[in-house]
Protein backbone atom coordinates (compact mmCIF):
# COMPACT_ATOMS: atom_id res chain seq x y z
CA PRO A 1 -18.05 29.80 2.96
CA LEU A 2 -16.47 26.46 2.25
CA ILE A 3 -16.90 26.80 -1.44
CA LYS A 4 -15.47 30.14 -1.30
CA LYS A 5 -12.35 28.75 0.07
CA GLY A 6 -12.12 26.33 -2.58
CA ALA A 7 -13.30 23.10 -0.80
CA ASN A 8 -14.51 20.04 -2.63
CA PRO A 9 -16.79 18.33 -0.09
CA VAL A 10 -18.60 14.99 0.16
CA VAL A 11 -21.98 15.37 1.87
CA PHE A 12 -23.31 12.17 3.52
CA CYS A 13 -26.74 11.49 4.06
CA ARG A 14 -28.56 8.46 5.65
CA TYR A 15 -31.42 8.10 3.23
CA LEU A 16 -31.74 7.96 -0.54
CA ALA A 17 -34.59 10.45 -0.66
CA THR A 18 -32.48 12.85 1.38
CA ALA A 19 -29.48 12.68 -0.87
CA GLU A 20 -31.70 13.23 -3.92
CA HIS A 21 -33.15 16.18 -2.35
CA VAL A 22 -29.93 17.78 -1.33
CA ARG A 23 -28.36 17.33 -4.63
CA ALA A 24 -31.18 19.19 -6.37
CA GLY A 25 -30.82 21.90 -3.81
CA LEU A 26 -27.06 21.98 -4.13
CA ARG A 27 -27.33 22.20 -7.87
CA LYS A 28 -29.67 25.24 -7.75
CA ALA A 29 -27.36 26.91 -5.21
CA PHE A 30 -24.00 26.19 -6.93
CA PRO A 31 -25.05 25.95 -10.82
CA LYS A 32 -21.27 26.41 -11.84
CA LEU A 33 -20.11 23.34 -9.85
CA LYS A 34 -20.34 19.72 -10.62
CA VAL A 35 -22.71 18.43 -8.19
CA GLU A 36 -23.45 14.63 -8.38
CA ALA A 37 -24.94 11.91 -6.07
CA VAL A 38 -24.18 8.44 -5.55
CA THR A 39 -26.57 6.22 -3.82
CA GLY A 40 -27.27 2.38 -3.34
CA VAL A 41 -29.59 2.44 -6.57
CA LEU A 42 -26.10 2.39 -8.48
CA THR A 43 -23.98 -0.79 -8.90
CA PRO A 44 -20.54 -0.76 -7.47
CA ASP A 45 -19.17 -0.21 -10.95
CA GLU A 46 -21.72 2.75 -11.72
CA ARG A 47 -20.60 4.30 -8.45
CA ARG A 48 -16.69 4.32 -9.34
CA ASP A 49 -17.57 5.52 -12.76
CA ARG A 50 -19.52 8.39 -11.49
CA VAL A 51 -16.94 9.45 -8.97
CA ALA A 52 -14.36 9.11 -11.68
CA ASP A 53 -16.26 11.24 -14.07
CA MET A 54 -16.15 14.07 -11.65
CA GLY A 55 -12.40 14.63 -12.11
CA PRO A 56 -11.31 17.20 -14.58
CA ALA A 57 -10.82 16.28 -18.23
CA GLU A 58 -7.59 16.38 -19.94
CA ASP A 59 -8.43 19.71 -21.72
CA GLU A 60 -10.27 21.61 -18.69
CA LYS A 61 -8.80 23.10 -15.61
CA ASP A 62 -9.74 21.55 -12.16
CA VAL A 63 -13.08 22.66 -11.29
CA GLN A 64 -14.76 22.63 -7.96
CA ARG A 65 -17.13 19.58 -7.18
CA ILE A 66 -19.66 18.42 -4.61
CA LEU A 67 -20.49 14.90 -4.24
CA VAL A 68 -23.60 13.84 -2.08
CA ALA A 69 -23.70 10.32 -1.22
CA THR A 70 -25.37 7.71 1.13
CA ASP A 71 -23.40 5.47 3.42
CA CYS A 72 -22.87 3.06 0.46
CA LEU A 73 -19.79 5.18 -0.39
CA SER A 74 -18.26 5.13 3.13
CA GLU A 75 -16.36 2.02 2.35
CA GLY A 76 -14.74 0.61 -0.67
CA ILE A 77 -13.95 3.80 -2.87
CA ASN A 78 -11.24 6.09 -2.19
CA LEU A 79 -12.23 9.68 -2.42
CA GLN A 80 -9.13 11.46 -1.44
CA GLN A 81 -7.93 12.66 -4.79
CA LEU A 82 -10.98 14.44 -5.69
CA PHE A 83 -12.45 15.60 -2.28
CA ASP A 84 -11.04 17.18 0.79
CA THR A 85 -14.02 17.92 3.23
CA VAL A 86 -16.50 15.66 4.67
CA ILE A 87 -19.83 16.93 5.69
CA HIS A 88 -22.30 14.77 8.00
CA TYR A 89 -25.77 16.00 6.96
CA ASP A 90 -27.32 13.17 8.92
CA LEU A 91 -25.75 12.14 12.11
CA SER A 92 -25.44 8.26 12.33
CA TRP A 93 -26.30 6.42 15.42
CA ASN A 94 -23.17 4.45 14.86
CA PRO A 95 -20.01 6.42 15.75
CA THR A 96 -17.74 4.08 13.55
CA ARG A 97 -19.92 5.21 10.57
CA HIS A 98 -18.61 8.81 10.94
CA GLN A 99 -15.05 7.49 10.90
CA GLN A 100 -15.59 5.54 7.97
CA ARG A 101 -17.07 8.26 5.96
CA GLU A 102 -14.19 10.51 7.02
CA GLY A 103 -11.58 7.75 6.08
CA ARG A 104 -12.60 7.79 2.66
CA VAL A 105 -11.23 11.42 2.18
CA ASP A 106 -8.64 11.81 5.00
CA ARG A 107 -6.21 9.10 4.06
CA PHE A 108 -2.73 8.57 2.44
CA GLY A 109 -2.49 10.33 -1.05
CA GLN A 110 -4.84 13.25 0.05
CA PRO A 111 -3.01 16.30 -1.46
CA ALA A 112 -4.76 18.89 0.68
CA GLU A 113 -2.74 19.98 3.76
CA LEU A 114 -6.07 20.69 5.69
CA VAL A 115 -9.00 18.18 5.55
CA ARG A 116 -12.35 19.38 7.02
CA SER A 117 -14.89 17.38 8.81
CA ILE A 118 -18.40 18.85 9.84
CA MET A 119 -21.42 17.61 11.62
CA MET A 120 -24.65 19.40 10.84
CA PHE A 121 -27.22 19.36 13.41
CA SER A 122 -29.98 21.57 14.72
CA PRO A 123 -30.44 22.71 18.22
CA ASP A 124 -34.18 22.45 17.59
CA SER A 125 -34.00 18.63 16.79
CA ALA A 126 -34.55 16.35 19.69
CA ILE A 127 -32.89 13.43 17.61
CA ASP A 128 -29.83 15.41 16.67
CA GLY A 129 -29.30 16.38 20.22
CA ALA A 130 -29.88 12.85 21.49
CA VAL A 131 -27.42 11.36 18.85
CA LEU A 132 -24.79 13.96 19.98
CA GLU A 133 -25.16 13.75 23.62
CA VAL A 134 -25.89 9.91 24.08
CA ILE A 135 -23.58 8.60 21.48
CA LEU A 136 -21.06 10.69 19.53
CA ARG A 137 -19.90 12.30 22.89
CA LYS A 138 -19.43 9.33 24.81
CA ALA A 139 -18.15 7.62 21.79
CA GLU A 140 -15.31 10.35 21.82
CA GLU A 141 -14.49 9.91 25.38
CA ILE A 142 -14.10 6.16 24.84
CA ARG A 143 -11.97 6.91 21.72
CA LYS A 144 -9.73 9.12 23.94
CA ALA A 145 -9.32 6.34 26.53
CA THR A 146 -8.66 3.50 24.43
CA GLY A 147 -7.07 5.18 21.23
CA VAL A 148 -9.73 3.53 19.00
CA THR A 149 -13.37 4.05 18.04
CA VAL A 150 -15.42 1.25 19.79
CA PRO A 151 -18.52 0.63 18.01
CA LEU A 152 -21.88 0.38 19.56
CA PRO A 153 -23.33 -2.90 20.89
CA GLU A 154 -25.09 -4.95 18.09
CA GLU A 155 -28.36 -4.92 20.14
CA ARG A 156 -30.46 -2.17 19.02
CA GLY A 157 -33.07 -2.03 21.69
CA PRO A 158 -30.99 -0.37 24.48
CA VAL A 159 -29.77 2.18 21.99
CA THR A 160 -33.15 3.24 20.76
CA ASP A 161 -34.20 3.30 24.53
CA ALA A 162 -31.50 5.52 25.31
CA LEU A 163 -32.05 7.88 22.60
CA MET A 164 -35.82 8.02 23.39
CA ALA A 165 -34.88 8.86 26.83
CA SER A 166 -32.51 11.69 25.92
CA MET A 167 -35.27 13.22 23.53
CA MET A 168 -38.11 12.82 26.28
CA LEU A 169 -35.71 14.70 28.94
CA ARG A 170 -34.94 17.31 26.33
CA ARG A 171 -38.78 17.98 25.75
CA GLY A 172 -39.59 17.98 29.33
CA GLU A 173 -42.31 15.62 29.05
CA THR A 174 -43.11 15.22 32.61
CA ARG A 175 -46.35 13.32 31.82
CA GLN A 176 -44.29 10.24 30.96
CA LEU A 177 -42.46 9.51 34.11
CA ALA A 178 -43.25 5.80 34.08
CA LEU A 179 -42.04 5.50 30.63
CA ASP A 180 -38.89 7.63 31.37
CA LEU A 181 -38.03 4.96 34.28
CA ARG A 182 -38.03 2.48 31.63
CA LEU A 183 -36.26 4.26 29.11
CA ASP A 184 -33.56 5.16 31.91
CA ASP A 185 -33.05 1.36 32.38
CA GLY A 186 -32.40 1.14 28.62
CA THR A 187 -29.82 4.00 28.82
CA LYS A 188 -28.12 2.25 31.50
CA ALA A 189 -28.03 -1.05 29.73
CA MET A 190 -26.76 0.44 26.57
CA GLU A 191 -23.88 2.07 28.57
CA ALA A 192 -23.09 -1.10 30.53
CA ARG A 193 -22.85 -2.98 27.13
CA TRP A 194 -20.89 -0.04 25.52
CA ARG A 195 -18.40 -0.09 28.54
CA ASP A 196 -17.84 -3.78 28.33
CA ALA A 197 -16.99 -3.48 24.70
CA SER A 198 -14.42 -0.72 25.73
CA GLU A 199 -12.96 -2.92 28.24
CA ASN A 200 -12.47 -5.96 25.94
CA GLU A 201 -10.82 -3.53 23.38
CA LYS A 202 -8.51 -2.32 26.16
CA LYS A 203 -7.62 -6.05 26.98
CA SER A 204 -7.45 -6.79 23.23
CA ARG A 205 -4.64 -4.11 22.72
CA ALA A 206 -2.82 -5.39 26.04
CA ARG A 207 -3.03 -9.09 24.56
CA PHE A 208 -1.61 -8.26 21.26
CA ALA A 209 0.86 -5.37 22.78
CA GLN A 210 1.09 -3.46 19.44
CA ASN A 211 2.03 -0.44 21.63
CA ALA A 212 4.83 -2.34 23.42
CA MET A 213 7.08 -2.60 20.45
CA LYS A 214 9.41 0.17 20.31
CA PRO A 215 10.01 1.59 16.55
CA GLN A 216 13.86 1.86 17.07
CA GLU A 217 13.77 -1.79 17.92
CA VAL A 218 12.20 -2.99 14.56
CA ALA A 219 13.65 -0.15 12.41
CA PRO A 220 16.58 -2.33 11.09
CA GLU A 221 14.19 -4.93 9.59
CA TRP A 222 11.94 -1.97 8.19
CA GLU A 223 14.97 -0.68 6.36
CA LYS A 224 16.06 -4.01 5.15
CA ALA A 225 12.35 -4.67 3.84
CA GLN A 226 12.36 -1.21 2.13
CA THR A 227 15.73 -2.06 0.35
CA LEU A 228 14.35 -5.49 -0.65
CA LEU A 229 11.17 -4.02 -2.24
CA GLY A 230 12.98 -1.11 -3.88
CA SER A 231 12.00 2.53 -4.01
CA PRO A 232 9.60 4.19 -6.32
CA ALA A 233 12.72 5.45 -8.17
CA ASP A 234 13.98 1.78 -8.76
CA VAL A 235 10.50 0.75 -10.01
CA ARG A 236 10.64 3.75 -12.62
CA THR A 237 14.21 2.91 -13.62
CA PHE A 238 13.29 -0.82 -14.26
CA VAL A 239 10.17 -0.01 -16.35
CA ASP A 240 11.97 2.73 -18.30
CA ARG A 241 14.92 0.41 -19.02
CA THR A 242 12.77 -2.46 -19.79
CA MET A 243 10.43 -1.01 -22.09
CA SER A 244 13.24 0.92 -24.02
CA ARG A 245 14.99 -2.87 -24.32
CA PHE A 246 11.40 -3.89 -25.79
CA GLY A 247 11.48 -0.98 -28.24
CA ALA A 248 8.95 1.13 -26.67
CA PRO A 249 10.41 3.80 -24.02
CA LEU A 250 8.25 5.61 -21.76
CA GLU A 251 7.22 8.92 -22.95
CA PRO A 252 7.03 11.76 -20.34
CA ARG A 253 3.80 13.86 -20.61
CA LYS A 254 3.65 16.82 -18.08
CA SER A 255 3.19 14.93 -14.79
CA VAL A 256 2.53 11.37 -16.13
CA LEU A 257 4.11 8.83 -18.21
CA LEU A 258 2.68 7.19 -21.20
CA ALA A 259 3.64 3.35 -21.80
CA HIS A 260 2.66 2.39 -25.45
CA VAL A 261 1.96 -1.18 -24.75
CA HIS A 262 0.52 -1.36 -28.35
CA ALA A 263 3.96 -1.09 -29.65
CA LEU A 264 5.42 -4.11 -27.82
CA ASP A 265 6.11 -7.61 -28.97
CA GLY A 266 2.91 -9.46 -29.91
CA ALA A 267 3.03 -12.41 -27.12
CA LEU A 268 3.81 -9.63 -24.57
CA ARG A 269 0.94 -7.31 -25.79
CA GLU A 270 -1.42 -10.10 -25.57
CA ARG A 271 -0.39 -10.93 -21.92
CA LEU A 272 -0.88 -7.38 -20.90
CA SER A 273 -4.14 -7.06 -22.73
CA GLN A 274 -5.32 -9.86 -20.28
CA ARG A 275 -4.49 -7.64 -17.77
CA ASP A 276 -6.73 -4.71 -19.15
CA LEU A 277 -3.48 -2.87 -20.29
CA THR A 278 -3.93 -1.91 -24.07
CA GLY A 279 -3.07 1.33 -26.15
CA SER A 280 -1.03 3.86 -24.20
CA VAL A 281 -1.36 3.36 -20.50
CA ARG A 282 -1.21 6.42 -18.39
CA LEU A 283 1.02 6.12 -15.29
CA ALA A 284 1.71 8.44 -12.40
CA VAL A 285 5.06 8.42 -10.56
CA ALA A 286 3.90 10.10 -7.23
CA GLU A 287 0.89 10.34 -4.99
CA PRO A 288 -1.81 11.59 -5.52
CA ALA A 289 -2.31 10.03 -9.04
CA PRO A 290 -4.31 12.21 -11.48
CA THR A 291 -7.51 11.11 -12.66
CA GLY A 292 -7.20 8.55 -15.28
CA THR A 293 -3.83 7.32 -14.17
CA ALA A 294 -2.55 4.54 -12.04
CA LEU A 295 0.30 4.81 -9.76
CA LEU A 296 3.51 2.93 -11.05
CA THR A 297 4.38 0.51 -8.38
CA ARG A 298 6.06 -2.75 -8.17
CA THR A 299 2.93 -4.47 -7.91
CA HIS A 300 1.36 -2.75 -11.14
CA PRO A 301 0.37 -5.18 -13.79
CA LEU A 302 2.83 -3.51 -16.20
CA THR A 303 5.83 -3.98 -13.71
CA SER A 304 5.01 -7.56 -12.72
CA THR A 305 4.46 -8.54 -16.53
CA LEU A 306 7.67 -7.00 -17.65
CA ALA A 307 9.51 -8.72 -14.94
CA GLU A 308 7.95 -12.14 -15.65
CA ALA A 309 8.86 -11.69 -19.34
CA LEU A 310 12.63 -11.05 -18.48
CA VAL A 311 12.99 -13.71 -16.32
CA GLU A 312 11.56 -16.11 -18.89
CA ALA A 313 14.04 -14.46 -21.52
CA SER A 314 16.73 -15.25 -19.08
CA LEU A 315 15.95 -18.88 -18.63
CA ASP A 316 14.83 -19.87 -21.99
CA PRO A 317 16.97 -18.79 -24.90
CA GLU A 318 13.95 -19.31 -27.44
CA THR A 319 11.94 -16.67 -25.55
CA LEU A 320 12.17 -13.32 -26.68
CA SER A 321 15.75 -14.24 -28.03
CA GLY A 322 16.13 -10.85 -29.88
CA LEU A 323 16.60 -9.28 -26.53
CA GLY A 324 20.14 -10.85 -25.88
CA ILE A 325 19.33 -11.15 -22.27
CA GLY A 326 21.56 -13.73 -20.33
CA ARG A 327 22.68 -15.01 -17.05
CA VAL A 328 26.45 -14.49 -17.70
CA GLY A 329 28.48 -11.61 -19.08
CA ALA A 330 31.72 -9.73 -19.09
CA TRP A 331 32.60 -6.05 -19.80
CA PRO A 332 34.88 -3.29 -18.85
CA THR A 333 33.69 -0.50 -16.69
CA THR A 334 34.82 2.35 -14.50
CA ALA A 335 33.34 0.84 -11.30
CA VAL A 336 36.20 -1.56 -10.42
CA ASP A 337 39.93 -1.20 -10.16
CA GLN A 338 40.69 -4.93 -10.82
CA VAL A 339 38.72 -8.10 -12.14
CA THR A 340 35.73 -8.39 -10.11
CA ARG A 341 33.24 -11.20 -10.42
CA ILE A 342 29.48 -11.00 -9.34
CA ALA A 343 27.37 -13.95 -8.61
CA LEU A 344 23.76 -13.58 -8.23
CA LEU A 345 22.95 -16.33 -5.50
CA ARG A 346 19.57 -17.80 -4.47
CA ILE A 347 19.92 -19.06 -1.05
CA ARG A 348 17.25 -21.41 0.57
CA TYR A 349 16.62 -21.48 4.39
CA LYS A 350 15.08 -23.93 6.86
CA LEU A 351 13.59 -22.10 9.74
CA THR A 352 12.70 -24.01 12.80
CA VAL A 353 10.15 -22.20 15.16
CA HIS A 354 10.77 -23.57 18.68
CA SER A 355 7.64 -23.40 20.74
CA ARG A 356 5.04 -25.67 22.29
CA LYS A 357 4.78 -27.22 18.85
CA GLU A 358 7.66 -27.14 16.57
CA ARG A 359 7.12 -25.72 13.12
CA LEU A 360 9.33 -25.85 9.86
CA LEU A 361 9.30 -22.93 7.43
CA LEU A 362 11.08 -22.75 4.15
CA ALA A 363 12.41 -19.26 2.82
CA GLU A 364 14.68 -18.08 0.04
CA GLU A 365 16.42 -14.77 -0.93
CA ALA A 366 18.18 -13.73 -3.99
CA THR A 367 21.33 -11.57 -3.45
CA LEU A 368 24.14 -10.23 -5.45
CA VAL A 369 27.97 -10.77 -4.07
CA ALA A 370 31.14 -9.18 -5.61
CA ILE A 371 34.29 -11.01 -5.24
CA GLU A 372 38.11 -9.75 -6.03
CA GLY A 373 40.27 -12.86 -6.11
CA ASN A 374 39.03 -14.68 -3.02
CA GLN A 375 37.76 -11.80 -0.97
CA ILE A 376 34.24 -10.35 -0.88
CA VAL A 377 34.26 -6.78 -1.54
CA ALA A 378 30.62 -6.04 -1.93
CA THR A 379 27.05 -7.29 -1.27
CA GLY A 380 23.53 -6.20 -2.06
CA GLU A 381 23.10 -2.82 -2.82
CA ALA A 382 26.61 -1.93 -3.15
CA ALA A 383 27.13 -4.98 -5.58
CA ARG A 384 24.09 -3.88 -7.38
CA ASP A 385 25.52 -0.37 -8.10
CA LEU A 386 28.58 -2.10 -9.52
CA LEU A 387 26.62 -3.98 -11.90
CA ASN A 388 24.48 -0.94 -12.84
CA THR A 389 27.57 1.14 -13.76
CA PRO A 390 27.27 1.40 -17.76
CA ALA A 391 30.00 -0.49 -19.65
CA THR A 392 32.59 1.49 -21.39
CA ALA A 393 32.88 -0.75 -24.42
CA ASP A 394 31.80 -4.20 -25.85
CA LEU A 395 34.53 -6.89 -25.59
CA ALA A 396 35.30 -9.00 -28.68
CA THR A 397 33.45 -12.19 -28.37
CA PRO A 398 36.58 -14.43 -27.94
CA ALA A 399 37.78 -12.12 -25.13
CA ARG A 400 34.19 -12.16 -23.53
CA ASP A 401 34.09 -15.81 -23.49
CA ARG A 402 37.68 -16.59 -22.19
CA PHE A 403 36.54 -14.34 -19.18
CA ILE A 404 33.34 -16.03 -18.76
CA ASN A 405 34.82 -19.57 -18.97
CA LYS A 406 37.54 -18.79 -16.44
CA ALA A 407 34.77 -17.29 -14.01
CA ARG A 408 33.09 -20.74 -14.60
CA GLU A 409 35.98 -22.77 -13.89
CA ASP A 410 36.66 -20.97 -10.66
CA LEU A 411 33.31 -21.29 -9.41
CA PRO A 412 33.61 -24.37 -7.52
CA SER A 413 36.37 -22.84 -5.46
CA LEU A 414 34.38 -19.79 -4.74
CA LEU A 415 31.47 -21.91 -3.50
CA ASP A 416 33.73 -23.63 -1.01
CA GLY A 417 35.47 -20.17 -0.08
CA PRO A 418 34.20 -16.86 -0.04
CA LEU A 419 30.54 -17.71 -1.00
CA ALA A 420 30.23 -20.31 1.84
CA PHE A 421 31.61 -17.79 4.17
CA PHE A 422 29.00 -15.24 3.14
CA VAL A 423 26.06 -17.82 3.41
CA LYS A 424 27.29 -18.68 6.97
CA SER A 425 27.25 -14.93 7.88
CA ARG A 426 23.73 -14.65 6.46
CA VAL A 427 22.44 -17.43 8.67
CA GLU A 428 23.92 -15.76 11.69
CA GLU A 429 22.51 -12.35 10.58
CA LEU A 430 19.05 -13.87 10.19
CA SER A 431 19.19 -15.65 13.28
CA GLN A 432 19.89 -12.67 15.28
CA ASP A 433 17.06 -10.77 13.51
CA HIS A 434 14.54 -13.10 14.58
CA ALA A 435 15.86 -13.22 17.97
CA ARG A 436 15.79 -9.60 18.31
CA LEU A 437 11.96 -9.20 16.90
CA ARG A 438 10.65 -11.95 18.92
CA ALA A 439 12.22 -10.08 22.04
CA ALA A 440 10.62 -6.94 21.02
CA ALA A 441 7.53 -8.74 20.50
CA GLY A 442 7.61 -10.35 23.94
CA SER A 443 7.50 -13.74 22.19
CA ALA A 444 8.88 -16.90 24.17
CA SER A 445 9.56 -18.94 21.13
CA ARG A 446 12.78 -19.00 19.39
CA VAL A 447 13.93 -19.71 15.61
CA THR A 448 16.91 -21.49 14.31
CA VAL A 449 18.04 -20.89 10.97
CA GLU A 450 19.87 -23.32 8.71
CA ALA A 451 20.97 -22.66 5.11
CA VAL A 452 20.66 -25.30 2.44
CA THR A 453 24.14 -25.52 0.61
CA PRO A 454 25.59 -25.02 -1.58
CA PRO A 455 23.45 -21.79 -2.93
CA ASP A 456 22.20 -21.73 -6.54
CA VAL A 457 24.31 -19.34 -8.63
CA ILE A 458 21.85 -18.05 -11.06
CA GLY A 459 24.00 -15.22 -12.60
CA LEU A 460 27.67 -14.86 -12.95
CA PHE A 461 29.10 -11.58 -14.32
CA VAL A 462 32.82 -10.51 -14.98
CA LEU A 463 33.87 -6.75 -14.61
CA MET A 464 37.17 -5.56 -15.37
CA PRO A 465 38.81 -2.10 -15.29
CA SER A 466 38.03 -0.15 -18.42
CA GLU A 467 41.83 0.32 -19.26
CA VAL A 468 42.18 -3.38 -19.84
């Protein structure tokens, strides 16, 4: 029935021999499906390759697949892009093992709206019944009470005794009364240890108080972090523009992008090859990433390497000099109505944490500030929007130099005036952020923020109305 519904299941077995046997049976039952097994006889790299090979090739439609695996695959390899169902063929004595198996499939990036998890057991099997009754159902009760799955105690003796007791009772073996009494003691010992583990988990949650922090109290900081990190669209724009600047624009190909790194500058190509990026790299811009592609993120090796190259090019005129990248500029634009100067600042802060033992932390940020005359008109994202608006023309070199030199001459007065005011306002804002977050977390410590002045001006750009 699962296969008829289009499911792609992972069948988890406990033993290698069982997995091989199940694979052989499934291949006979479903000859048109891709059926493979991944067990501990394979190295970690071989396991990854075998799973990846089950995906569709570029020239074929998506085909159904079944993967049979032992618990060597329940951690470390994500299966959500190729599979949408978990079948526990062998029930595990450890309830967290079931959670780990399911977590390989039911996770972020899973395209299926419904993920099924099925436990297979036989009512005629004393072991299956004991595992269900003694461990899995009680584990579910504990999970509902604590919100997490509490693992079994490390000591296996009481666990084995509890399972044996349940099996003896199920079979009605009245001849073993003396043995039943001893095993009943083992059951009580296991339940006592498990109860203690559950109580410790409750205390741990109360101590760290994750559930005490209300989302609305930390939402402003979360939104600020999202802005600083940039959205997926920002990352794509950056990589697309940078690759174009280097003479190898991204090539859209259906749902993926091709980055032709082999067409880049020799030094840059060598740096990328050291990070295993050669030829044409296939990139995905949305989850789930198709087989054979990597999701384009700010931490992807291509993104970070391009960013490093641009920073070097802006700091050292001899590095990639043909790009013409600098940290000063002047151009006409439709984004402003009067001459506007945009300064890229690097501000350093000293954060003193006042608690039982005082600690000094250092932090820095880079931010944009737009100034008209002596007034700040935009900061952060708003200033970046001004900077990102395309120029309407190129200024003649003498005119461009005149605007840049005038901005440089006025920089000391800007640092003493509006930029100093901006740094002071940032100190107050950061102090309030720290106070609010620590209050939300119930922390008794406090933080004082002090800026190292003046800030570093690492970029200065002059925008003028396009009619000038």
